[in-house]
Amino acid sequence: MADPLQIQVNGESRDCPSGATVADLLRELDLKTERVAVELNLEILDRQEFDRRGLKAGDRVEILSFIGGGGPDDGWRRRVPTHAQ
């Protein structure tokens, strides 16, 4: 079995399995793909790429979710990943 990769998710170090994709990471964090935007190394990804984009050691992932409800604080917010590794 390959050693896990070290990546950054919303500024926090995190291990992920070798060969993992963006979609795998979102599933691990229990996030629905239709409710988030993902930036990988400063590139905003189309949702259709989540299953195809593999993660590499040192990658920087930013995950944002939309907060709505009609108030002045509506908009995209940074998701804080769980600390599960």
N, C-alpha and C. Protein backbone atom coordinates (compact mmCIF):
# COMPACT_ATOMS: atom_id res chain seq x y z
N MET A 1 0.84 -1.18 0.00
CA MET A 1 0.00 0.00 0.00
C MET A 1 0.89 1.25 0.00
N ALA A 2 0.55 2.21 -0.82
CA ALA A 2 1.35 3.44 -0.95
C ALA A 2 1.16 4.34 0.25
N ASP A 3 2.20 5.11 0.53
CA ASP A 3 2.11 6.09 1.62
C ASP A 3 1.08 7.15 1.28
N PRO A 4 0.41 7.69 2.30
CA PRO A 4 -0.56 8.76 2.02
C PRO A 4 0.16 10.03 1.54
N LEU A 5 -0.59 10.84 0.81
CA LEU A 5 -0.09 12.12 0.33
C LEU A 5 -0.44 13.20 1.34
N GLN A 6 0.42 14.18 1.46
CA GLN A 6 0.14 15.34 2.32
C GLN A 6 -0.34 16.47 1.41
N ILE A 7 -1.56 16.98 1.69
CA ILE A 7 -2.13 18.10 0.94
C ILE A 7 -2.58 19.16 1.94
N GLN A 8 -2.97 20.31 1.42
CA GLN A 8 -3.54 21.38 2.25
C GLN A 8 -5.01 21.53 1.85
N VAL A 9 -5.90 21.48 2.82
CA VAL A 9 -7.33 21.69 2.57
C VAL A 9 -7.76 22.87 3.42
N ASN A 10 -8.13 23.95 2.75
CA ASN A 10 -8.52 25.20 3.42
C ASN A 10 -7.50 25.60 4.48
N GLY A 11 -6.23 25.47 4.11
CA GLY A 11 -5.14 25.92 4.96
C GLY A 11 -4.69 24.94 6.02
N GLU A 12 -5.32 23.77 6.10
CA GLU A 12 -4.93 22.76 7.09
C GLU A 12 -4.28 21.57 6.40
N SER A 13 -3.19 21.07 6.98
CA SER A 13 -2.54 19.87 6.44
C SER A 13 -3.45 18.68 6.62
N ARG A 14 -3.42 17.81 5.61
CA ARG A 14 -4.30 16.63 5.65
C ARG A 14 -3.64 15.52 4.84
N ASP A 15 -3.77 14.30 5.30
CA ASP A 15 -3.34 13.14 4.54
C ASP A 15 -4.47 12.68 3.64
N CYS A 16 -4.12 12.20 2.46
CA CYS A 16 -5.12 11.56 1.60
C CYS A 16 -4.43 10.38 0.91
N PRO A 17 -5.19 9.38 0.56
CA PRO A 17 -4.58 8.19 -0.05
C PRO A 17 -3.99 8.51 -1.43
N SER A 18 -2.92 7.84 -1.75
CA SER A 18 -2.34 7.95 -3.09
C SER A 18 -3.41 7.53 -4.10
N GLY A 19 -3.54 8.29 -5.18
CA GLY A 19 -4.54 7.98 -6.21
C GLY A 19 -5.90 8.60 -5.97
N ALA A 20 -6.06 9.33 -4.86
CA ALA A 20 -7.36 9.95 -4.55
C ALA A 20 -7.65 11.10 -5.52
N THR A 21 -8.93 11.30 -5.78
CA THR A 21 -9.38 12.40 -6.62
C THR A 21 -10.04 13.46 -5.75
N VAL A 22 -10.36 14.58 -6.36
CA VAL A 22 -11.10 15.63 -5.65
C VAL A 22 -12.43 15.06 -5.16
N ALA A 23 -13.10 14.28 -5.98
CA ALA A 23 -14.38 13.68 -5.57
C ALA A 23 -14.20 12.77 -4.35
N ASP A 24 -13.11 12.01 -4.30
CA ASP A 24 -12.83 11.15 -3.14
C ASP A 24 -12.69 12.00 -1.88
N LEU A 25 -11.96 13.11 -2.00
CA LEU A 25 -11.78 14.00 -0.85
C LEU A 25 -13.12 14.55 -0.37
N LEU A 26 -13.97 14.99 -1.28
CA LEU A 26 -15.28 15.52 -0.90
C LEU A 26 -16.13 14.46 -0.21
N ARG A 27 -16.07 13.22 -0.72
CA ARG A 27 -16.82 12.13 -0.06
C ARG A 27 -16.28 11.89 1.34
N GLU A 28 -14.97 11.90 1.48
CA GLU A 28 -14.36 11.69 2.81
C GLU A 28 -14.80 12.78 3.79
N LEU A 29 -14.97 14.00 3.28
CA LEU A 29 -15.41 15.12 4.13
C LEU A 29 -16.93 15.19 4.25
N ASP A 30 -17.64 14.25 3.60
CA ASP A 30 -19.10 14.19 3.62
C ASP A 30 -19.72 15.47 3.06
N LEU A 31 -19.17 15.94 1.93
CA LEU A 31 -19.67 17.14 1.26
C LEU A 31 -20.30 16.75 -0.07
N LYS A 32 -21.45 17.30 -0.35
CA LYS A 32 -22.14 17.04 -1.61
C LYS A 32 -21.55 17.92 -2.71
N THR A 33 -21.21 17.31 -3.83
CA THR A 33 -20.54 18.04 -4.90
C THR A 33 -21.39 19.18 -5.45
N GLU A 34 -22.70 19.05 -5.42
CA GLU A 34 -23.55 20.11 -5.98
C GLU A 34 -23.65 21.33 -5.06
N ARG A 35 -23.11 21.24 -3.87
CA ARG A 35 -23.20 22.35 -2.92
C ARG A 35 -21.88 23.05 -2.64
N VAL A 36 -20.84 22.69 -3.39
CA VAL A 36 -19.53 23.30 -3.14
C VAL A 36 -18.87 23.76 -4.43
N ALA A 37 -17.95 24.67 -4.28
CA ALA A 37 -17.01 25.06 -5.33
C ALA A 37 -15.63 24.66 -4.83
N VAL A 38 -14.79 24.18 -5.74
CA VAL A 38 -13.46 23.71 -5.35
C VAL A 38 -12.41 24.42 -6.20
N GLU A 39 -11.40 24.91 -5.50
CA GLU A 39 -10.23 25.49 -6.15
C GLU A 39 -9.05 24.57 -5.85
N LEU A 40 -8.36 24.16 -6.89
CA LEU A 40 -7.19 23.29 -6.75
C LEU A 40 -5.98 24.04 -7.30
N ASN A 41 -5.06 24.37 -6.41
CA ASN A 41 -3.85 25.10 -6.81
C ASN A 41 -4.19 26.35 -7.62
N LEU A 42 -5.13 27.13 -7.09
CA LEU A 42 -5.56 28.42 -7.65
C LEU A 42 -6.40 28.29 -8.93
N GLU A 43 -6.81 27.08 -9.29
CA GLU A 43 -7.68 26.86 -10.45
C GLU A 43 -9.05 26.40 -9.98
N ILE A 44 -10.10 27.15 -10.36
CA ILE A 44 -11.46 26.76 -10.00
C ILE A 44 -11.87 25.60 -10.91
N LEU A 45 -12.32 24.52 -10.30
CA LEU A 45 -12.67 23.32 -11.06
C LEU A 45 -14.14 23.28 -11.40
N ASP A 46 -14.44 22.78 -12.58
CA ASP A 46 -15.81 22.46 -12.96
C ASP A 46 -16.19 21.18 -12.21
N ARG A 47 -17.42 21.08 -11.77
CA ARG A 47 -17.85 19.89 -11.02
C ARG A 47 -17.61 18.60 -11.80
N GLN A 48 -17.69 18.67 -13.11
CA GLN A 48 -17.48 17.46 -13.93
C GLN A 48 -16.04 16.96 -13.84
N GLU A 49 -15.13 17.79 -13.36
CA GLU A 49 -13.73 17.39 -13.24
C GLU A 49 -13.41 16.70 -11.91
N PHE A 50 -14.31 16.79 -10.93
CA PHE A 50 -14.01 16.28 -9.59
C PHE A 50 -13.58 14.82 -9.61
N ASP A 51 -14.23 13.98 -10.42
CA ASP A 51 -13.89 12.56 -10.48
C ASP A 51 -12.60 12.30 -11.26
N ARG A 52 -12.20 13.24 -12.10
CA ARG A 52 -11.03 13.04 -12.96
C ARG A 52 -9.76 13.68 -12.43
N ARG A 53 -9.89 14.65 -11.54
CA ARG A 53 -8.70 15.37 -11.06
C ARG A 53 -8.08 14.67 -9.88
N GLY A 54 -6.93 14.06 -10.11
CA GLY A 54 -6.20 13.39 -9.05
C GLY A 54 -5.46 14.38 -8.18
N LEU A 55 -5.30 14.02 -6.92
CA LEU A 55 -4.56 14.87 -5.98
C LEU A 55 -3.12 14.40 -5.91
N LYS A 56 -2.22 15.38 -5.76
CA LYS A 56 -0.79 15.09 -5.67
C LYS A 56 -0.24 15.71 -4.39
N ALA A 57 0.86 15.18 -3.92
CA ALA A 57 1.51 15.72 -2.71
C ALA A 57 1.75 17.21 -2.89
N GLY A 58 1.40 17.98 -1.87
CA GLY A 58 1.61 19.42 -1.89
C GLY A 58 0.47 20.21 -2.49
N ASP A 59 -0.55 19.54 -3.04
CA ASP A 59 -1.69 20.27 -3.61
C ASP A 59 -2.36 21.13 -2.54
N ARG A 60 -2.89 22.26 -2.98
CA ARG A 60 -3.65 23.16 -2.12
C ARG A 60 -5.09 23.20 -2.62
N VAL A 61 -5.99 22.76 -1.76
CA VAL A 61 -7.41 22.67 -2.10
C VAL A 61 -8.17 23.66 -1.23
N GLU A 62 -9.01 24.47 -1.86
CA GLU A 62 -9.92 25.36 -1.13
C GLU A 62 -11.32 24.90 -1.47
N ILE A 63 -12.15 24.69 -0.44
CA ILE A 63 -13.52 24.24 -0.63
C ILE A 63 -14.44 25.33 -0.09
N LEU A 64 -15.36 25.78 -0.95
CA LEU A 64 -16.31 26.82 -0.58
C LEU A 64 -17.72 26.28 -0.72
N SER A 65 -18.62 26.73 0.16
CA SER A 65 -20.02 26.36 0.04
C SER A 65 -20.86 27.62 0.05
N PHE A 66 -22.01 27.57 -0.62
CA PHE A 66 -22.89 28.73 -0.68
C PHE A 66 -23.83 28.70 0.51
N ILE A 67 -23.91 29.84 1.19
CA ILE A 67 -24.84 30.01 2.31
C ILE A 67 -25.95 30.93 1.82
N GLY A 68 -27.17 30.46 1.84
CA GLY A 68 -28.29 31.26 1.36
C GLY A 68 -29.41 31.34 2.38
N GLY A 69 -30.35 32.20 2.11
CA GLY A 69 -31.49 32.33 3.00
C GLY A 69 -32.13 33.70 2.93
N GLY A 70 -31.60 34.57 2.08
CA GLY A 70 -32.23 35.86 1.90
C GLY A 70 -31.68 36.97 2.78
N GLY A 71 -30.64 36.70 3.56
CA GLY A 71 -30.09 37.70 4.46
C GLY A 71 -28.85 38.37 3.88
N PRO A 72 -28.36 39.38 4.57
CA PRO A 72 -27.19 40.11 4.08
C PRO A 72 -25.89 39.30 4.13
N ASP A 73 -25.91 38.20 4.85
CA ASP A 73 -24.70 37.38 4.96
C ASP A 73 -24.66 36.23 3.95
N ASP A 74 -25.60 36.23 2.98
CA ASP A 74 -25.61 35.18 1.96
C ASP A 74 -24.35 35.27 1.11
N GLY A 75 -23.91 34.15 0.62
CA GLY A 75 -22.76 34.13 -0.28
C GLY A 75 -21.90 32.91 -0.05
N TRP A 76 -20.78 32.85 -0.75
CA TRP A 76 -19.86 31.72 -0.64
C TRP A 76 -19.05 31.83 0.63
N ARG A 77 -18.89 30.72 1.33
CA ARG A 77 -18.12 30.65 2.57
C ARG A 77 -17.13 29.51 2.48
N ARG A 78 -15.98 29.71 3.05
CA ARG A 78 -14.95 28.68 3.09
C ARG A 78 -15.40 27.56 4.01
N ARG A 79 -15.29 26.32 3.53
CA ARG A 79 -15.63 25.16 4.34
C ARG A 79 -14.41 24.79 5.18
N VAL A 80 -14.62 24.54 6.43
CA VAL A 80 -13.52 24.08 7.29
C VAL A 80 -13.60 22.57 7.34
N PRO A 81 -12.52 21.89 6.91
CA PRO A 81 -12.57 20.43 6.87
C PRO A 81 -12.60 19.85 8.28
N THR A 82 -13.18 18.66 8.35
CA THR A 82 -13.13 17.94 9.62
C THR A 82 -11.69 17.48 9.84
N HIS A 83 -11.34 17.15 11.03
CA HIS A 83 -9.97 16.77 11.34
C HIS A 83 -9.71 15.29 11.17
N ALA A 84 -10.67 14.55 10.63
CA ALA A 84 -10.46 13.11 10.40
C ALA A 84 -9.37 12.94 9.36
N GLN A 85 -8.48 12.00 9.60
CA GLN A 85 -7.40 11.75 8.63
C GLN A 85 -7.38 10.33 8.27
